[in-house]
Amino acid sequence: MRKGFVRVRGFAVLVAVMFVGSGASAACRFLECAPGEERTPSLPPIPQPAIPTYARPSVRDGVTMPASPTQICTGVGDMSYCVSSVLPPQHGFTYGPEKLLDGRLETAWSPEGSVDGIGEWLLVKFPAPRAVRAINLLNGYHKNQSIFSRNSRVRGFVIRTSSGWSKIGELNDEAGPQRISIDDPSQIVWLQLAIRSVYSGSQYRDVAITELRLE
């Protein structure tokens, strides 16, 4: 796989030339399954390090911050990235919020809490109020072209912030960086992106986001 860096308005993302696999994989691993393969029987869960969860909503700037009993958060510097749910580990693959920030195309966040991921969300929390101009992301699972097509991608979204501002829109059904402008003039302490609809995968209903950054 040939790799290079693409910069979109200050957002540096590692982007690869995606390829179509030349044959069936030795083991079918959920999002990584090849066409026509059956998913392998579930194995006992792989022990994972404890990750703190934040199930109680809190109020900042007068707006209740979204929370879910199944949410998982990971710290990134002085920020926290939280997601409403996570697909369980499968055969050594994990799909937690830390995958949104690892700079790798072969990993992604994938939720399990609802059919097609509708209503699932990710949220970024800040320790102090700050301005956010845009969200930059890689929509879908960018591991390769075949996996990108076979699994679902986010289509419709709603963005909400701690100030009460919101925005409804759609992402393009394409690989590569996409940018969503944030027109909230306020200094905010959290920002949420929720899934409203998806582009259906050709074989599976798992939805994924590979990388996400703020500017």
C-alpha atoms as a PDB file:
ATOM      1  CA  MET A   1       0.000   0.000   0.000  1.00  0.00           C
ATOM      2  CA  ARG A   2       1.473   3.365  -1.008  1.00  0.00           C
ATOM      3  CA  LYS A   3       1.028   6.113   1.558  1.00  0.00           C
ATOM      4  CA  GLY A   4       1.224   9.877   1.568  1.00  0.00           C
ATOM      5  CA  PHE A   5       0.091  12.902   3.526  1.00  0.00           C
ATOM      6  CA  VAL A   6      -2.863  15.053   2.492  1.00  0.00           C
ATOM      7  CA  ARG A   7      -3.465  18.363   4.285  1.00  0.00           C
ATOM      8  CA  VAL A   8      -6.935  19.900   4.282  1.00  0.00           C
ATOM      9  CA  ARG A   9      -6.986  23.370   5.875  1.00  0.00           C
ATOM     10  CA  GLY A  10      -4.496  22.435   8.530  1.00  0.00           C
ATOM     11  CA  PHE A  11      -5.857  18.914   9.057  1.00  0.00           C
ATOM     12  CA  ALA A  12      -3.077  16.393   8.338  1.00  0.00           C
ATOM     13  CA  VAL A  13      -4.400  12.908   7.607  1.00  0.00           C
ATOM     14  CA  LEU A  14      -2.464   9.846   6.563  1.00  0.00           C
ATOM     15  CA  VAL A  15      -4.152   8.751   3.348  1.00  0.00           C
ATOM     16  CA  ALA A  16      -3.416   5.556   1.429  1.00  0.00           C
ATOM     17  CA  VAL A  17      -4.147   4.500  -2.137  1.00  0.00           C
ATOM     18  CA  MET A  18      -6.861   1.940  -1.423  1.00  0.00           C
ATOM     19  CA  PHE A  19      -6.882  -1.422  -3.107  1.00  0.00           C
ATOM     20  CA  VAL A  20      -9.284  -4.285  -3.684  1.00  0.00           C
ATOM     21  CA  GLY A  21      -8.204  -7.559  -2.083  1.00  0.00           C
ATOM     22  CA  SER A  22      -7.155 -10.246  -4.518  1.00  0.00           C
ATOM     23  CA  GLY A  23      -8.557 -13.174  -2.571  1.00  0.00           C
ATOM     24  CA  ALA A  24     -10.542 -14.344   0.433  1.00  0.00           C
ATOM     25  CA  SER A  25      -8.978 -13.770   3.817  1.00  0.00           C
ATOM     26  CA  ALA A  26      -7.996 -16.695   6.032  1.00  0.00           C
ATOM     27  CA  ALA A  27     -10.331 -15.585   8.808  1.00  0.00           C
ATOM     28  CA  CYS A  28     -13.518 -13.562   8.437  1.00  0.00           C
ATOM     29  CA  ARG A  29     -13.459 -10.854  11.115  1.00  0.00           C
ATOM     30  CA  PHE A  30     -16.728  -8.896  11.065  1.00  0.00           C
ATOM     31  CA  LEU A  31     -15.969  -5.568   9.352  1.00  0.00           C
ATOM     32  CA  GLU A  32     -13.025  -7.261   7.595  1.00  0.00           C
ATOM     33  CA  CYS A  33     -15.096 -10.099   6.026  1.00  0.00           C
ATOM     34  CA  ALA A  34     -14.640 -10.735   2.303  1.00  0.00           C
ATOM     35  CA  PRO A  35     -17.610 -11.118  -0.091  1.00  0.00           C
ATOM     36  CA  GLY A  36     -19.396 -14.455   0.333  1.00  0.00           C
ATOM     37  CA  GLU A  37     -17.697 -15.342   3.596  1.00  0.00           C
ATOM     38  CA  GLU A  38     -19.563 -16.261   6.750  1.00  0.00           C
ATOM     39  CA  ARG A  39     -18.639 -14.470   9.919  1.00  0.00           C
ATOM     40  CA  THR A  40     -16.613 -16.695  12.220  1.00  0.00           C
ATOM     41  CA  PRO A  41     -18.247 -17.831  15.475  1.00  0.00           C
ATOM     42  CA  SER A  42     -17.697 -15.384  18.296  1.00  0.00           C
ATOM     43  CA  LEU A  43     -14.745 -16.163  20.527  1.00  0.00           C
ATOM     44  CA  PRO A  44     -14.528 -15.270  24.222  1.00  0.00           C
ATOM     45  CA  PRO A  45     -13.943 -11.501  24.607  1.00  0.00           C
ATOM     46  CA  ILE A  46     -10.310 -10.457  24.554  1.00  0.00           C
ATOM     47  CA  PRO A  47      -9.364  -8.854  27.901  1.00  0.00           C
ATOM     48  CA  GLN A  48      -9.135  -5.088  27.467  1.00  0.00           C
ATOM     49  CA  PRO A  49      -7.617  -2.459  29.760  1.00  0.00           C
ATOM     50  CA  ALA A  50     -10.204  -0.626  31.833  1.00  0.00           C
ATOM     51  CA  ILE A  51     -11.467   2.537  30.149  1.00  0.00           C
ATOM     52  CA  PRO A  52     -13.454   5.009  32.251  1.00  0.00           C
ATOM     53  CA  THR A  53     -17.082   5.490  31.303  1.00  0.00           C
ATOM     54  CA  TYR A  54     -19.180   8.587  31.870  1.00  0.00           C
ATOM     55  CA  ALA A  55     -22.826   7.615  32.078  1.00  0.00           C
ATOM     56  CA  ARG A  56     -24.157  10.625  33.980  1.00  0.00           C
ATOM     57  CA  PRO A  57     -25.108  13.712  31.981  1.00  0.00           C
ATOM     58  CA  SER A  58     -23.786  17.045  33.200  1.00  0.00           C
ATOM     59  CA  VAL A  59     -24.847  20.604  32.462  1.00  0.00           C
ATOM     60  CA  ARG A  60     -22.366  23.088  31.031  1.00  0.00           C
ATOM     61  CA  ASP A  61     -23.405  26.481  29.647  1.00  0.00           C
ATOM     62  CA  GLY A  62     -27.032  25.644  30.502  1.00  0.00           C
ATOM     63  CA  VAL A  63     -27.275  22.741  28.020  1.00  0.00           C
ATOM     64  CA  THR A  64     -27.263  19.123  29.167  1.00  0.00           C
ATOM     65  CA  MET A  65     -24.317  17.232  27.745  1.00  0.00           C
ATOM     66  CA  PRO A  66     -25.433  13.986  26.037  1.00  0.00           C
ATOM     67  CA  ALA A  67     -24.546  10.733  27.782  1.00  0.00           C
ATOM     68  CA  SER A  68     -25.263   7.038  27.353  1.00  0.00           C
ATOM     69  CA  PRO A  69     -25.064   4.090  29.794  1.00  0.00           C
ATOM     70  CA  THR A  70     -22.847   2.333  27.241  1.00  0.00           C
ATOM     71  CA  GLN A  71     -20.599   5.243  26.365  1.00  0.00           C
ATOM     72  CA  ILE A  72     -16.822   4.974  26.455  1.00  0.00           C
ATOM     73  CA  CYS A  73     -14.366   7.865  26.645  1.00  0.00           C
ATOM     74  CA  THR A  74     -10.662   8.209  25.995  1.00  0.00           C
ATOM     75  CA  GLY A  75      -8.409  11.103  26.973  1.00  0.00           C
ATOM     76  CA  VAL A  76      -6.447  12.997  24.332  1.00  0.00           C
ATOM     77  CA  GLY A  77      -4.217  15.645  25.840  1.00  0.00           C
ATOM     78  CA  ASP A  78      -6.593  17.844  27.831  1.00  0.00           C
ATOM     79  CA  MET A  79      -9.654  16.717  25.838  1.00  0.00           C
ATOM     80  CA  SER A  80     -11.905  13.651  25.986  1.00  0.00           C
ATOM     81  CA  TYR A  81     -13.368  11.791  23.010  1.00  0.00           C
ATOM     82  CA  CYS A  82     -16.545   9.901  23.968  1.00  0.00           C
ATOM     83  CA  VAL A  83     -18.738   7.578  21.882  1.00  0.00           C
ATOM     84  CA  SER A  84     -22.218   6.265  22.622  1.00  0.00           C
ATOM     85  CA  SER A  85     -21.265   2.592  22.135  1.00  0.00           C
ATOM     86  CA  VAL A  86     -18.499   0.412  20.715  1.00  0.00           C
ATOM     87  CA  LEU A  87     -18.560  -2.812  18.713  1.00  0.00           C
ATOM     88  CA  PRO A  88     -17.039  -5.514  20.969  1.00  0.00           C
ATOM     89  CA  PRO A  89     -13.480  -6.725  20.282  1.00  0.00           C
ATOM     90  CA  GLN A  90     -13.318  -9.439  17.646  1.00  0.00           C
ATOM     91  CA  HIS A  91     -10.267 -11.608  16.991  1.00  0.00           C
ATOM     92  CA  GLY A  92      -7.794  -8.941  18.044  1.00  0.00           C
ATOM     93  CA  PHE A  93      -9.612  -6.025  16.386  1.00  0.00           C
ATOM     94  CA  THR A  94     -11.053  -3.237  18.549  1.00  0.00           C
ATOM     95  CA  TYR A  95     -13.276  -0.296  17.552  1.00  0.00           C
ATOM     96  CA  GLY A  96     -13.131   2.207  20.428  1.00  0.00           C
ATOM     97  CA  PRO A  97     -12.934   6.031  20.359  1.00  0.00           C
ATOM     98  CA  GLU A  98      -9.127   5.937  20.474  1.00  0.00           C
ATOM     99  CA  LYS A  99      -9.224   4.652  16.874  1.00  0.00           C
ATOM    100  CA  LEU A 100     -10.487   8.075  15.751  1.00  0.00           C
ATOM    101  CA  LEU A 101      -7.135   9.587  16.732  1.00  0.00           C
ATOM    102  CA  ASP A 102      -4.465   7.019  15.962  1.00  0.00           C
ATOM    103  CA  GLY A 103      -3.677   8.204  12.410  1.00  0.00           C
ATOM    104  CA  ARG A 104      -4.141   4.699  10.994  1.00  0.00           C
ATOM    105  CA  LEU A 105      -6.404   3.775   8.077  1.00  0.00           C
ATOM    106  CA  GLU A 106      -6.671   0.143   9.178  1.00  0.00           C
ATOM    107  CA  THR A 107      -8.584   1.083  12.352  1.00  0.00           C
ATOM    108  CA  ALA A 108     -11.932   2.813  12.919  1.00  0.00           C
ATOM    109  CA  TRP A 109     -14.616   3.574  15.496  1.00  0.00           C
ATOM    110  CA  SER A 110     -17.694   1.409  14.978  1.00  0.00           C
ATOM    111  CA  PRO A 111     -20.779   1.467  17.275  1.00  0.00           C
ATOM    112  CA  GLU A 112     -23.004  -1.483  18.111  1.00  0.00           C
ATOM    113  CA  GLY A 113     -25.915   0.113  19.972  1.00  0.00           C
ATOM    114  CA  SER A 114     -28.457   0.373  17.136  1.00  0.00           C
ATOM    115  CA  VAL A 115     -29.258  -0.957  13.663  1.00  0.00           C
ATOM    116  CA  ASP A 116     -27.102   0.820  11.060  1.00  0.00           C
ATOM    117  CA  GLY A 117     -25.723   3.063  13.800  1.00  0.00           C
ATOM    118  CA  ILE A 118     -28.716   5.429  13.603  1.00  0.00           C
ATOM    119  CA  GLY A 119     -28.761   7.619  16.698  1.00  0.00           C
ATOM    120  CA  GLU A 120     -25.211   6.677  17.719  1.00  0.00           C
ATOM    121  CA  TRP A 121     -22.847   9.564  18.373  1.00  0.00           C
ATOM    122  CA  LEU A 122     -19.397  10.818  19.223  1.00  0.00           C
ATOM    123  CA  LEU A 123     -18.631  13.763  21.478  1.00  0.00           C
ATOM    124  CA  VAL A 124     -15.535  15.845  22.197  1.00  0.00           C
ATOM    125  CA  LYS A 125     -15.204  17.556  25.599  1.00  0.00           C
ATOM    126  CA  PHE A 126     -12.864  20.435  26.445  1.00  0.00           C
ATOM    127  CA  PRO A 127     -11.543  21.431  29.885  1.00  0.00           C
ATOM    128  CA  ALA A 128     -12.331  25.098  29.209  1.00  0.00           C
ATOM    129  CA  PRO A 129     -14.445  27.029  26.664  1.00  0.00           C
ATOM    130  CA  ARG A 130     -12.913  27.277  23.203  1.00  0.00           C
ATOM    131  CA  ALA A 131     -13.890  28.100  19.632  1.00  0.00           C
ATOM    132  CA  VAL A 132     -14.234  25.306  17.054  1.00  0.00           C
ATOM    133  CA  ARG A 133     -14.257  26.179  13.348  1.00  0.00           C
ATOM    134  CA  ALA A 134     -14.698  22.757  11.736  1.00  0.00           C
ATOM    135  CA  ILE A 135     -14.726  18.984  12.012  1.00  0.00           C
ATOM    136  CA  ASN A 136     -12.432  17.116   9.629  1.00  0.00           C
ATOM    137  CA  LEU A 137     -12.960  13.387   9.233  1.00  0.00           C
ATOM    138  CA  LEU A 138     -12.487  10.245   7.186  1.00  0.00           C
ATOM    139  CA  ASN A 139     -15.976   8.781   6.800  1.00  0.00           C
ATOM    140  CA  GLY A 140     -16.339   4.995   6.575  1.00  0.00           C
ATOM    141  CA  TYR A 141     -13.725   2.298   7.065  1.00  0.00           C
ATOM    142  CA  HIS A 142     -10.639   3.286   5.026  1.00  0.00           C
ATOM    143  CA  LYS A 143      -8.704   0.046   5.480  1.00  0.00           C
ATOM    144  CA  ASN A 144      -9.087  -0.644   1.755  1.00  0.00           C
ATOM    145  CA  GLN A 145     -11.605   0.012  -1.029  1.00  0.00           C
ATOM    146  CA  SER A 146     -13.357  -3.338  -0.611  1.00  0.00           C
ATOM    147  CA  ILE A 147     -13.909  -2.896   3.130  1.00  0.00           C
ATOM    148  CA  PHE A 148     -14.974   0.730   2.591  1.00  0.00           C
ATOM    149  CA  SER A 149     -17.710  -0.396   0.180  1.00  0.00           C
ATOM    150  CA  ARG A 150     -18.937  -3.449   2.095  1.00  0.00           C
ATOM    151  CA  ASN A 151     -19.562  -1.554   5.358  1.00  0.00           C
ATOM    152  CA  SER A 152     -21.851   1.433   5.919  1.00  0.00           C
ATOM    153  CA  ARG A 153     -20.766   5.089   5.906  1.00  0.00           C
ATOM    154  CA  VAL A 154     -22.354   8.058   7.671  1.00  0.00           C
ATOM    155  CA  ARG A 155     -24.759  10.006   5.483  1.00  0.00           C
ATOM    156  CA  GLY A 156     -26.970  12.352   7.512  1.00  0.00           C
ATOM    157  CA  PHE A 157     -25.692  13.919  10.724  1.00  0.00           C
ATOM    158  CA  VAL A 158     -26.657  16.456  13.362  1.00  0.00           C
ATOM    159  CA  ILE A 159     -24.066  18.463  15.268  1.00  0.00           C
ATOM    160  CA  ARG A 160     -24.869  20.029  18.640  1.00  0.00           C
ATOM    161  CA  THR A 161     -22.725  22.150  20.948  1.00  0.00           C
ATOM    162  CA  SER A 162     -22.851  23.214  24.578  1.00  0.00           C
ATOM    163  CA  SER A 163     -24.151  26.663  23.551  1.00  0.00           C
ATOM    164  CA  GLY A 164     -27.363  25.157  22.125  1.00  0.00           C
ATOM    165  CA  TRP A 165     -26.272  25.650  18.489  1.00  0.00           C
ATOM    166  CA  SER A 166     -27.018  22.787  16.081  1.00  0.00           C
ATOM    167  CA  LYS A 167     -26.523  21.903  12.423  1.00  0.00           C
ATOM    168  CA  ILE A 168     -28.057  19.192  10.213  1.00  0.00           C
ATOM    169  CA  GLY A 169     -26.260  18.068   7.061  1.00  0.00           C
ATOM    170  CA  GLU A 170     -24.960  15.210   4.918  1.00  0.00           C
ATOM    171  CA  LEU A 171     -21.531  13.789   4.165  1.00  0.00           C
ATOM    172  CA  ASN A 172     -20.496  12.660   0.697  1.00  0.00           C
ATOM    173  CA  ASP A 173     -20.263   8.942   0.014  1.00  0.00           C
ATOM    174  CA  GLU A 174     -16.582   9.009  -0.871  1.00  0.00           C
ATOM    175  CA  ALA A 175     -13.198   8.147   0.576  1.00  0.00           C
ATOM    176  CA  GLY A 176     -10.809  10.875   1.673  1.00  0.00           C
ATOM    177  CA  PRO A 177     -10.987  13.869   4.019  1.00  0.00           C
ATOM    178  CA  GLN A 178     -14.271  15.738   4.438  1.00  0.00           C
ATOM    179  CA  ARG A 179     -14.794  19.009   6.312  1.00  0.00           C
ATOM    180  CA  ILE A 180     -17.910  20.165   8.204  1.00  0.00           C
ATOM    181  CA  SER A 181     -17.876  23.850   9.089  1.00  0.00           C
ATOM    182  CA  ILE A 182     -18.953  24.839  12.608  1.00  0.00           C
ATOM    183  CA  ASP A 183     -20.653  28.234  12.472  1.00  0.00           C
ATOM    184  CA  ASP A 184     -21.253  28.533  16.208  1.00  0.00           C
ATOM    185  CA  PRO A 185     -19.661  31.860  17.259  1.00  0.00           C
ATOM    186  CA  SER A 186     -19.648  30.811  20.928  1.00  0.00           C
ATOM    187  CA  GLN A 187     -16.839  29.460  23.048  1.00  0.00           C
ATOM    188  CA  ILE A 188     -17.985  25.896  23.754  1.00  0.00           C
ATOM    189  CA  VAL A 189     -17.051  23.086  26.164  1.00  0.00           C
ATOM    190  CA  TRP A 190     -18.410  20.131  24.185  1.00  0.00           C
ATOM    191  CA  LEU A 191     -19.419  19.215  20.636  1.00  0.00           C
ATOM    192  CA  GLN A 192     -21.460  16.183  19.548  1.00  0.00           C
ATOM    193  CA  LEU A 193     -21.878  14.568  16.119  1.00  0.00           C
ATOM    194  CA  ALA A 194     -24.830  12.137  15.911  1.00  0.00           C
ATOM    195  CA  ILE A 195     -25.703   9.787  13.030  1.00  0.00           C
ATOM    196  CA  ARG A 196     -29.110  10.383  11.374  1.00  0.00           C
ATOM    197  CA  SER A 197     -28.756   8.136   8.296  1.00  0.00           C
ATOM    198  CA  VAL A 198     -26.168   6.024   6.475  1.00  0.00           C
ATOM    199  CA  TYR A 199     -25.021   4.930   3.044  1.00  0.00           C
ATOM    200  CA  SER A 200     -25.623   1.181   3.303  1.00  0.00           C
ATOM    201  CA  GLY A 201     -22.721  -1.207   2.918  1.00  0.00           C
ATOM    202  CA  SER A 202     -22.934  -3.710   0.090  1.00  0.00           C
ATOM    203  CA  GLN A 203     -22.643  -6.626   2.522  1.00  0.00           C
ATOM    204  CA  TYR A 204     -22.711  -5.486   6.160  1.00  0.00           C
ATOM    205  CA  ARG A 205     -24.618  -2.986   8.313  1.00  0.00           C
ATOM    206  CA  ASP A 206     -21.688  -1.933  10.489  1.00  0.00           C
ATOM    207  CA  VAL A 207     -21.015   1.821  10.207  1.00  0.00           C
ATOM    208  CA  ALA A 208     -17.575   3.296  10.825  1.00  0.00           C
ATOM    209  CA  ILE A 209     -15.575   6.517  11.006  1.00  0.00           C
ATOM    210  CA  THR A 210     -11.826   6.119  10.548  1.00  0.00           C
ATOM    211  CA  GLU A 211     -10.409   9.446  11.798  1.00  0.00           C
ATOM    212  CA  LEU A 212     -11.751  12.711  13.231  1.00  0.00           C
ATOM    213  CA  ARG A 213     -10.041  16.010  14.119  1.00  0.00           C
ATOM    214  CA  LEU A 214     -11.216  19.478  15.120  1.00  0.00           C
ATOM    215  CA  GLU A 215      -9.889  22.829  13.978  1.00  0.00           C
END
